[in-house]
Amino acid sequence: MGDIVRVSCPDTPARVTDKSPHHVSIEWPWWAVDPDSDWIHWNGQVALPHDPSSYEGQTGLFRTTPPLDTLEPGTTCRVGIPPTLVHVIAVDRFDPPLETGRLPRPRRHVVLLRAGHSHDPEREEQGEEFDPDDDIPITFDLVFRPYACLTPGDEVADAAGRAWRFDTPWDWRPFDGAEPHEPHWPLTLLTRGSHPADPEMAVTVTAATKVGSHHEELARWSELAQATAPPP
């Protein structure tokens, strides 16, 4: 969560099957019907919003050639994702794999929000969901990872002598429960994976946070994502 990524997917032939006031349905060139799904029966089609000014149209990543609003049932098109900057707003894991009516059944979902849009934790549905392990040929190129030197679950001490648990760049947990809820750089790695920090890892973390600050790290993220970081 928090990664800024450039995603793309090569254009792939598809056939238009239906058109409604808000969506165009195409025969999806990826995935297969899950014959063992007991309660979800997928028809092999996906509906895409054809109004580029709608919220779905602004945040959705797939595009067609010709454009969706010009397509009619029975025609053909190509569907893909032009290189697009996004940020990761959620990573969900499923054990057992999630039943969706399609194959492969996803073991994880990554939710991506287009750059220029800020994540609202209060909003129920935001961004576009992807299974990075399915057969859609999406390329994910990491552009920026805030606090790349840290791993979720790391425990660190900051320059003020306070101990913290790092979960995401937006979620820092001070063990003393006091304010402020942001660490002062540089940081010292205490534990990783519930084990005392390897000295080499500790050196890496301290070196990476020797110059700058928590605010500067989030400011760099906001500039690249063209968005506001979620509140802590």
C-alpha atoms as a PDB file:
ATOM      1  CA  MET A   1       0.000   0.000   0.000  1.00  0.00           C
ATOM      2  CA  GLY A   2       1.308   3.407  -1.003  1.00  0.00           C
ATOM      3  CA  ASP A   3       3.388   2.246  -3.974  1.00  0.00           C
ATOM      4  CA  ILE A   4       3.251   4.537  -7.003  1.00  0.00           C
ATOM      5  CA  VAL A   5       3.247   2.333 -10.084  1.00  0.00           C
ATOM      6  CA  ARG A   6       3.049   2.748 -13.851  1.00  0.00           C
ATOM      7  CA  VAL A   7       0.720   0.106 -15.294  1.00  0.00           C
ATOM      8  CA  SER A   8       0.128  -0.896 -18.900  1.00  0.00           C
ATOM      9  CA  CYS A   9      -1.496  -3.702 -20.869  1.00  0.00           C
ATOM     10  CA  PRO A  10      -1.103  -4.311 -24.621  1.00  0.00           C
ATOM     11  CA  ASP A  11      -4.202  -3.863 -26.781  1.00  0.00           C
ATOM     12  CA  THR A  12      -5.985  -7.178 -27.343  1.00  0.00           C
ATOM     13  CA  PRO A  13      -8.870  -7.957 -29.785  1.00  0.00           C
ATOM     14  CA  ALA A  14     -12.365  -8.109 -28.282  1.00  0.00           C
ATOM     15  CA  ARG A  15     -15.977  -8.180 -29.526  1.00  0.00           C
ATOM     16  CA  VAL A  16     -18.700  -5.767 -28.434  1.00  0.00           C
ATOM     17  CA  THR A  17     -21.783  -7.621 -27.169  1.00  0.00           C
ATOM     18  CA  ASP A  18     -24.086  -5.006 -25.630  1.00  0.00           C
ATOM     19  CA  LYS A  19     -24.525  -1.288 -25.006  1.00  0.00           C
ATOM     20  CA  SER A  20     -26.538   0.440 -22.280  1.00  0.00           C
ATOM     21  CA  PRO A  21     -26.901   4.131 -21.363  1.00  0.00           C
ATOM     22  CA  HIS A  22     -23.795   3.886 -19.161  1.00  0.00           C
ATOM     23  CA  HIS A  23     -21.759   0.835 -20.192  1.00  0.00           C
ATOM     24  CA  VAL A  24     -20.465  -1.110 -23.158  1.00  0.00           C
ATOM     25  CA  SER A  25     -20.105  -4.869 -22.688  1.00  0.00           C
ATOM     26  CA  ILE A  26     -17.348  -6.774 -24.425  1.00  0.00           C
ATOM     27  CA  GLU A  27     -16.375 -10.423 -24.598  1.00  0.00           C
ATOM     28  CA  TRP A  28     -13.414 -10.362 -22.248  1.00  0.00           C
ATOM     29  CA  PRO A  29     -10.266 -11.662 -23.998  1.00  0.00           C
ATOM     30  CA  TRP A  30      -8.881 -12.939 -20.669  1.00  0.00           C
ATOM     31  CA  TRP A  31     -10.023 -15.291 -17.900  1.00  0.00           C
ATOM     32  CA  ALA A  32     -12.151 -18.411 -18.264  1.00  0.00           C
ATOM     33  CA  VAL A  33     -15.495 -19.420 -16.771  1.00  0.00           C
ATOM     34  CA  ASP A  34     -15.123 -21.294 -13.476  1.00  0.00           C
ATOM     35  CA  PRO A  35     -17.134 -24.519 -13.953  1.00  0.00           C
ATOM     36  CA  ASP A  36     -16.946 -25.312 -10.246  1.00  0.00           C
ATOM     37  CA  SER A  37     -18.425 -22.018  -9.069  1.00  0.00           C
ATOM     38  CA  ASP A  38     -21.633 -22.857  -7.198  1.00  0.00           C
ATOM     39  CA  TRP A  39     -23.175 -19.413  -6.874  1.00  0.00           C
ATOM     40  CA  ILE A  40     -21.513 -17.054  -9.385  1.00  0.00           C
ATOM     41  CA  HIS A  41     -22.130 -17.746 -13.071  1.00  0.00           C
ATOM     42  CA  TRP A  42     -20.021 -15.437 -15.219  1.00  0.00           C
ATOM     43  CA  ASN A  43     -21.099 -14.963 -18.855  1.00  0.00           C
ATOM     44  CA  GLY A  44     -17.618 -14.165 -20.184  1.00  0.00           C
ATOM     45  CA  GLN A  45     -18.374 -10.460 -20.601  1.00  0.00           C
ATOM     46  CA  VAL A  46     -17.167  -7.318 -18.839  1.00  0.00           C
ATOM     47  CA  ALA A  47     -18.991  -3.962 -18.789  1.00  0.00           C
ATOM     48  CA  LEU A  48     -16.849  -0.843 -19.215  1.00  0.00           C
ATOM     49  CA  PRO A  49     -18.117   2.735 -18.664  1.00  0.00           C
ATOM     50  CA  HIS A  50     -18.358   4.606 -21.964  1.00  0.00           C
ATOM     51  CA  ASP A  51     -18.698   8.123 -20.512  1.00  0.00           C
ATOM     52  CA  PRO A  52     -15.151   9.416 -19.924  1.00  0.00           C
ATOM     53  CA  SER A  53     -16.508  12.235 -17.731  1.00  0.00           C
ATOM     54  CA  SER A  54     -18.182   9.846 -15.256  1.00  0.00           C
ATOM     55  CA  TYR A  55     -16.372   8.820 -12.070  1.00  0.00           C
ATOM     56  CA  GLU A  56     -15.925   5.279 -13.441  1.00  0.00           C
ATOM     57  CA  GLY A  57     -14.636   6.706 -16.700  1.00  0.00           C
ATOM     58  CA  GLN A  58     -12.126   8.955 -14.928  1.00  0.00           C
ATOM     59  CA  THR A  59     -10.756   6.302 -12.585  1.00  0.00           C
ATOM     60  CA  GLY A  60     -11.059   3.200 -14.805  1.00  0.00           C
ATOM     61  CA  LEU A  61      -7.858   2.058 -16.486  1.00  0.00           C
ATOM     62  CA  PHE A  62      -8.967   0.003 -19.496  1.00  0.00           C
ATOM     63  CA  ARG A  63      -9.412   1.819 -22.784  1.00  0.00           C
ATOM     64  CA  THR A  64     -10.602   0.638 -26.188  1.00  0.00           C
ATOM     65  CA  THR A  65      -9.716   1.453 -29.768  1.00  0.00           C
ATOM     66  CA  PRO A  66     -11.988   2.841 -31.183  1.00  0.00           C
ATOM     67  CA  PRO A  67     -13.220   4.695 -28.049  1.00  0.00           C
ATOM     68  CA  LEU A  68     -15.988   3.041 -26.048  1.00  0.00           C
ATOM     69  CA  ASP A  69     -18.597   5.708 -26.772  1.00  0.00           C
ATOM     70  CA  THR A  70     -18.348   4.989 -30.514  1.00  0.00           C
ATOM     71  CA  LEU A  71     -18.775   1.209 -30.263  1.00  0.00           C
ATOM     72  CA  GLU A  72     -21.923  -0.703 -31.157  1.00  0.00           C
ATOM     73  CA  PRO A  73     -22.920  -4.333 -30.451  1.00  0.00           C
ATOM     74  CA  GLY A  74     -21.520  -6.756 -32.999  1.00  0.00           C
ATOM     75  CA  THR A  75     -18.463  -4.668 -33.800  1.00  0.00           C
ATOM     76  CA  THR A  76     -14.896  -5.451 -32.799  1.00  0.00           C
ATOM     77  CA  CYS A  77     -12.352  -3.376 -30.923  1.00  0.00           C
ATOM     78  CA  ARG A  78      -9.089  -3.644 -29.068  1.00  0.00           C
ATOM     79  CA  VAL A  79      -8.906  -3.314 -25.298  1.00  0.00           C
ATOM     80  CA  GLY A  80      -5.875  -2.569 -23.101  1.00  0.00           C
ATOM     81  CA  ILE A  81      -4.324  -0.078 -20.697  1.00  0.00           C
ATOM     82  CA  PRO A  82      -2.140   2.750 -22.018  1.00  0.00           C
ATOM     83  CA  PRO A  83       0.814   3.514 -19.689  1.00  0.00           C
ATOM     84  CA  THR A  84      -0.883   5.067 -16.661  1.00  0.00           C
ATOM     85  CA  LEU A  85       0.421   6.292 -13.316  1.00  0.00           C
ATOM     86  CA  VAL A  86      -1.495   4.894 -10.336  1.00  0.00           C
ATOM     87  CA  HIS A  87      -1.054   4.385  -6.607  1.00  0.00           C
ATOM     88  CA  VAL A  88      -1.874   1.286  -4.584  1.00  0.00           C
ATOM     89  CA  ILE A  89      -4.655   1.908  -2.049  1.00  0.00           C
ATOM     90  CA  ALA A  90      -5.162  -1.674  -0.844  1.00  0.00           C
ATOM     91  CA  VAL A  91      -3.720  -5.177  -1.058  1.00  0.00           C
ATOM     92  CA  ASP A  92      -6.108  -7.992  -0.094  1.00  0.00           C
ATOM     93  CA  ARG A  93      -5.136 -11.661   0.275  1.00  0.00           C
ATOM     94  CA  PHE A  94      -7.455 -14.666   0.110  1.00  0.00           C
ATOM     95  CA  ASP A  95      -6.934 -18.117   1.605  1.00  0.00           C
ATOM     96  CA  PRO A  96      -8.622 -20.117   0.166  1.00  0.00           C
ATOM     97  CA  PRO A  97      -8.636 -18.306  -3.208  1.00  0.00           C
ATOM     98  CA  LEU A  98     -11.672 -16.090  -3.798  1.00  0.00           C
ATOM     99  CA  GLU A  99     -14.572 -17.513  -5.799  1.00  0.00           C
ATOM    100  CA  THR A 100     -15.511 -14.992  -8.507  1.00  0.00           C
ATOM    101  CA  GLY A 101     -17.079 -17.153 -11.230  1.00  0.00           C
ATOM    102  CA  ARG A 102     -13.855 -16.814 -13.229  1.00  0.00           C
ATOM    103  CA  LEU A 103     -10.559 -18.622 -13.476  1.00  0.00           C
ATOM    104  CA  PRO A 104      -7.987 -18.301 -12.124  1.00  0.00           C
ATOM    105  CA  ARG A 105      -9.412 -17.771  -8.657  1.00  0.00           C
ATOM    106  CA  PRO A 106      -7.477 -14.876  -7.132  1.00  0.00           C
ATOM    107  CA  ARG A 107      -5.216 -15.332  -4.136  1.00  0.00           C
ATOM    108  CA  ARG A 108      -4.753 -11.579  -3.841  1.00  0.00           C
ATOM    109  CA  HIS A 109      -6.160  -8.332  -5.163  1.00  0.00           C
ATOM    110  CA  VAL A 110      -4.320  -5.072  -5.650  1.00  0.00           C
ATOM    111  CA  VAL A 111      -6.545  -1.980  -5.769  1.00  0.00           C
ATOM    112  CA  LEU A 112      -5.159   0.821  -7.948  1.00  0.00           C
ATOM    113  CA  LEU A 113      -6.261   4.452  -8.047  1.00  0.00           C
ATOM    114  CA  ARG A 114      -5.299   6.680 -10.946  1.00  0.00           C
ATOM    115  CA  ALA A 115      -2.837   9.495 -10.169  1.00  0.00           C
ATOM    116  CA  GLY A 116      -4.655  12.754  -9.528  1.00  0.00           C
ATOM    117  CA  HIS A 117      -7.258  11.064  -7.301  1.00  0.00           C
ATOM    118  CA  SER A 118      -6.882  10.862  -3.527  1.00  0.00           C
ATOM    119  CA  HIS A 119      -7.881   7.804  -1.534  1.00  0.00           C
ATOM    120  CA  ASP A 120     -10.879   8.380   0.730  1.00  0.00           C
ATOM    121  CA  PRO A 121     -10.893   5.622   3.405  1.00  0.00           C
ATOM    122  CA  GLU A 122     -14.559   6.410   4.122  1.00  0.00           C
ATOM    123  CA  ARG A 123     -15.580   5.657   0.546  1.00  0.00           C
ATOM    124  CA  GLU A 124     -16.785   2.093   0.052  1.00  0.00           C
ATOM    125  CA  GLU A 125     -15.641   1.569  -3.540  1.00  0.00           C
ATOM    126  CA  GLN A 126     -12.710   3.392  -5.043  1.00  0.00           C
ATOM    127  CA  GLY A 127     -10.087   2.481  -7.608  1.00  0.00           C
ATOM    128  CA  GLU A 128      -9.846  -0.598  -9.822  1.00  0.00           C
ATOM    129  CA  GLU A 129      -9.162  -4.105  -8.567  1.00  0.00           C
ATOM    130  CA  PHE A 130      -6.610  -6.411 -10.183  1.00  0.00           C
ATOM    131  CA  ASP A 131      -5.331  -9.913  -9.612  1.00  0.00           C
ATOM    132  CA  PRO A 132      -1.617  -9.561 -10.418  1.00  0.00           C
ATOM    133  CA  ASP A 133      -1.362 -13.342 -10.871  1.00  0.00           C
ATOM    134  CA  ASP A 134      -4.060 -13.859 -13.513  1.00  0.00           C
ATOM    135  CA  ASP A 135      -3.568 -14.020 -17.271  1.00  0.00           C
ATOM    136  CA  ILE A 136      -4.180 -10.346 -18.104  1.00  0.00           C
ATOM    137  CA  PRO A 137      -0.740  -9.287 -19.436  1.00  0.00           C
ATOM    138  CA  ILE A 138      -0.424  -6.211 -17.216  1.00  0.00           C
ATOM    139  CA  THR A 139       3.000  -4.726 -16.586  1.00  0.00           C
ATOM    140  CA  PHE A 140       3.591  -3.121 -13.195  1.00  0.00           C
ATOM    141  CA  ASP A 141       6.595  -0.767 -13.037  1.00  0.00           C
ATOM    142  CA  LEU A 142       7.384   0.599  -9.585  1.00  0.00           C
ATOM    143  CA  VAL A 143       7.968   4.371  -9.703  1.00  0.00           C
ATOM    144  CA  PHE A 144       8.211   5.229  -6.002  1.00  0.00           C
ATOM    145  CA  ARG A 145       7.775   3.375  -2.716  1.00  0.00           C
ATOM    146  CA  PRO A 146       7.653   5.630   0.350  1.00  0.00           C
ATOM    147  CA  TYR A 147       9.753   4.190   3.165  1.00  0.00           C
ATOM    148  CA  ALA A 148      11.201   1.602   0.785  1.00  0.00           C
ATOM    149  CA  CYS A 149      13.784   0.697   3.432  1.00  0.00           C
ATOM    150  CA  LEU A 150      11.069  -0.626   5.769  1.00  0.00           C
ATOM    151  CA  THR A 151       8.802  -3.687   5.782  1.00  0.00           C
ATOM    152  CA  PRO A 152       5.293  -3.721   7.315  1.00  0.00           C
ATOM    153  CA  GLY A 153       5.597  -4.849  10.919  1.00  0.00           C
ATOM    154  CA  ASP A 154       9.061  -3.345  11.454  1.00  0.00           C
ATOM    155  CA  GLU A 155       9.724  -1.790  14.844  1.00  0.00           C
ATOM    156  CA  VAL A 156      12.005   1.238  14.928  1.00  0.00           C
ATOM    157  CA  ALA A 157      13.287   3.909  17.278  1.00  0.00           C
ATOM    158  CA  ASP A 158      13.311   7.508  16.085  1.00  0.00           C
ATOM    159  CA  ALA A 159      15.706  10.382  16.748  1.00  0.00           C
ATOM    160  CA  ALA A 160      13.571  11.487  19.710  1.00  0.00           C
ATOM    161  CA  GLY A 161      13.990   8.101  21.378  1.00  0.00           C
ATOM    162  CA  ARG A 162      10.410   6.939  20.788  1.00  0.00           C
ATOM    163  CA  ALA A 163       9.627   3.389  19.626  1.00  0.00           C
ATOM    164  CA  TRP A 164       7.279   2.818  16.707  1.00  0.00           C
ATOM    165  CA  ARG A 165       5.656   0.063  14.681  1.00  0.00           C
ATOM    166  CA  PHE A 166       5.562   0.687  10.923  1.00  0.00           C
ATOM    167  CA  ASP A 167       2.583  -0.802   9.039  1.00  0.00           C
ATOM    168  CA  THR A 168       2.200   1.538   6.038  1.00  0.00           C
ATOM    169  CA  PRO A 169       3.619   4.975   5.231  1.00  0.00           C
ATOM    170  CA  TRP A 170       0.322   6.377   6.590  1.00  0.00           C
ATOM    171  CA  ASP A 171       0.095   4.097   9.624  1.00  0.00           C
ATOM    172  CA  TRP A 172       2.742   4.627  12.277  1.00  0.00           C
ATOM    173  CA  ARG A 173       1.963   3.280  15.779  1.00  0.00           C
ATOM    174  CA  PRO A 174       3.897   4.911  18.655  1.00  0.00           C
ATOM    175  CA  PHE A 175       4.278   2.482  21.542  1.00  0.00           C
ATOM    176  CA  ASP A 176       3.785   5.297  24.058  1.00  0.00           C
ATOM    177  CA  GLY A 177       0.476   6.296  22.455  1.00  0.00           C
ATOM    178  CA  ALA A 178       1.447   9.953  22.629  1.00  0.00           C
ATOM    179  CA  GLU A 179       1.449  12.703  20.021  1.00  0.00           C
ATOM    180  CA  PRO A 180       2.723  13.426  17.465  1.00  0.00           C
ATOM    181  CA  HIS A 181       1.915  10.352  15.396  1.00  0.00           C
ATOM    182  CA  GLU A 182       4.916  10.709  13.109  1.00  0.00           C
ATOM    183  CA  PRO A 183       8.544   9.666  13.676  1.00  0.00           C
ATOM    184  CA  HIS A 184      11.550  11.981  13.695  1.00  0.00           C
ATOM    185  CA  TRP A 185      14.352  10.934  11.324  1.00  0.00           C
ATOM    186  CA  PRO A 186      16.849   9.272  11.336  1.00  0.00           C
ATOM    187  CA  LEU A 187      15.368   5.916  12.314  1.00  0.00           C
ATOM    188  CA  THR A 188      16.973   2.884  13.946  1.00  0.00           C
ATOM    189  CA  LEU A 189      15.607  -0.532  13.028  1.00  0.00           C
ATOM    190  CA  LEU A 190      14.905  -2.587  16.163  1.00  0.00           C
ATOM    191  CA  THR A 191      13.071  -5.697  14.923  1.00  0.00           C
ATOM    192  CA  ARG A 192      11.973  -7.224  11.633  1.00  0.00           C
ATOM    193  CA  GLY A 193       9.645 -10.201  11.490  1.00  0.00           C
ATOM    194  CA  SER A 194       9.547 -10.184  15.315  1.00  0.00           C
ATOM    195  CA  HIS A 195      13.300 -10.868  15.410  1.00  0.00           C
ATOM    196  CA  PRO A 196      16.110  -8.497  16.398  1.00  0.00           C
ATOM    197  CA  ALA A 197      17.225  -6.472  13.388  1.00  0.00           C
ATOM    198  CA  ASP A 198      20.127  -7.729  11.340  1.00  0.00           C
ATOM    199  CA  PRO A 199      22.955  -5.160  11.716  1.00  0.00           C
ATOM    200  CA  GLU A 200      23.236  -4.734   7.944  1.00  0.00           C
ATOM    201  CA  MET A 201      19.505  -4.034   7.645  1.00  0.00           C
ATOM    202  CA  ALA A 202      19.744  -1.561  10.525  1.00  0.00           C
ATOM    203  CA  VAL A 203      22.535   0.317   8.762  1.00  0.00           C
ATOM    204  CA  THR A 204      20.440   0.508   5.581  1.00  0.00           C
ATOM    205  CA  VAL A 205      17.438   1.979   7.416  1.00  0.00           C
ATOM    206  CA  THR A 206      19.515   4.567   9.265  1.00  0.00           C
ATOM    207  CA  ALA A 207      21.332   5.603   6.072  1.00  0.00           C
ATOM    208  CA  ALA A 208      18.049   5.913   4.137  1.00  0.00           C
ATOM    209  CA  THR A 209      16.549   8.183   6.795  1.00  0.00           C
ATOM    210  CA  LYS A 210      19.656  10.185   7.635  1.00  0.00           C
ATOM    211  CA  VAL A 211      18.557  13.134   5.489  1.00  0.00           C
ATOM    212  CA  GLY A 212      14.979  14.342   5.152  1.00  0.00           C
ATOM    213  CA  SER A 213      11.901  13.817   7.272  1.00  0.00           C
ATOM    214  CA  HIS A 214       8.580  12.023   7.452  1.00  0.00           C
ATOM    215  CA  HIS A 215       6.871  15.120   6.019  1.00  0.00           C
ATOM    216  CA  GLU A 216       9.309  15.300   3.106  1.00  0.00           C
ATOM    217  CA  GLU A 217       8.754  11.613   2.288  1.00  0.00           C
ATOM    218  CA  LEU A 218       4.987  12.108   2.142  1.00  0.00           C
ATOM    219  CA  ALA A 219       5.387  15.380   0.218  1.00  0.00           C
ATOM    220  CA  ARG A 220       7.405  13.561  -2.442  1.00  0.00           C
ATOM    221  CA  TRP A 221       4.695  10.901  -2.616  1.00  0.00           C
ATOM    222  CA  SER A 222       1.952  13.540  -2.951  1.00  0.00           C
ATOM    223  CA  GLU A 223       3.826  15.323  -5.747  1.00  0.00           C
ATOM    224  CA  LEU A 224       4.267  12.119  -7.774  1.00  0.00           C
ATOM    225  CA  ALA A 225       0.764  10.760  -7.108  1.00  0.00           C
ATOM    226  CA  GLN A 226      -0.828  14.202  -7.547  1.00  0.00           C
ATOM    227  CA  ALA A 227      -2.904  13.271  -4.522  1.00  0.00           C
ATOM    228  CA  THR A 228      -3.232  13.839  -0.798  1.00  0.00           C
ATOM    229  CA  ALA A 229      -1.918  11.141   1.513  1.00  0.00           C
ATOM    230  CA  PRO A 230      -4.635   9.460   3.615  1.00  0.00           C
ATOM    231  CA  PRO A 231      -4.936  10.733   7.186  1.00  0.00           C
ATOM    232  CA  PRO A 232      -3.154   8.612   9.849  1.00  0.00           C
END
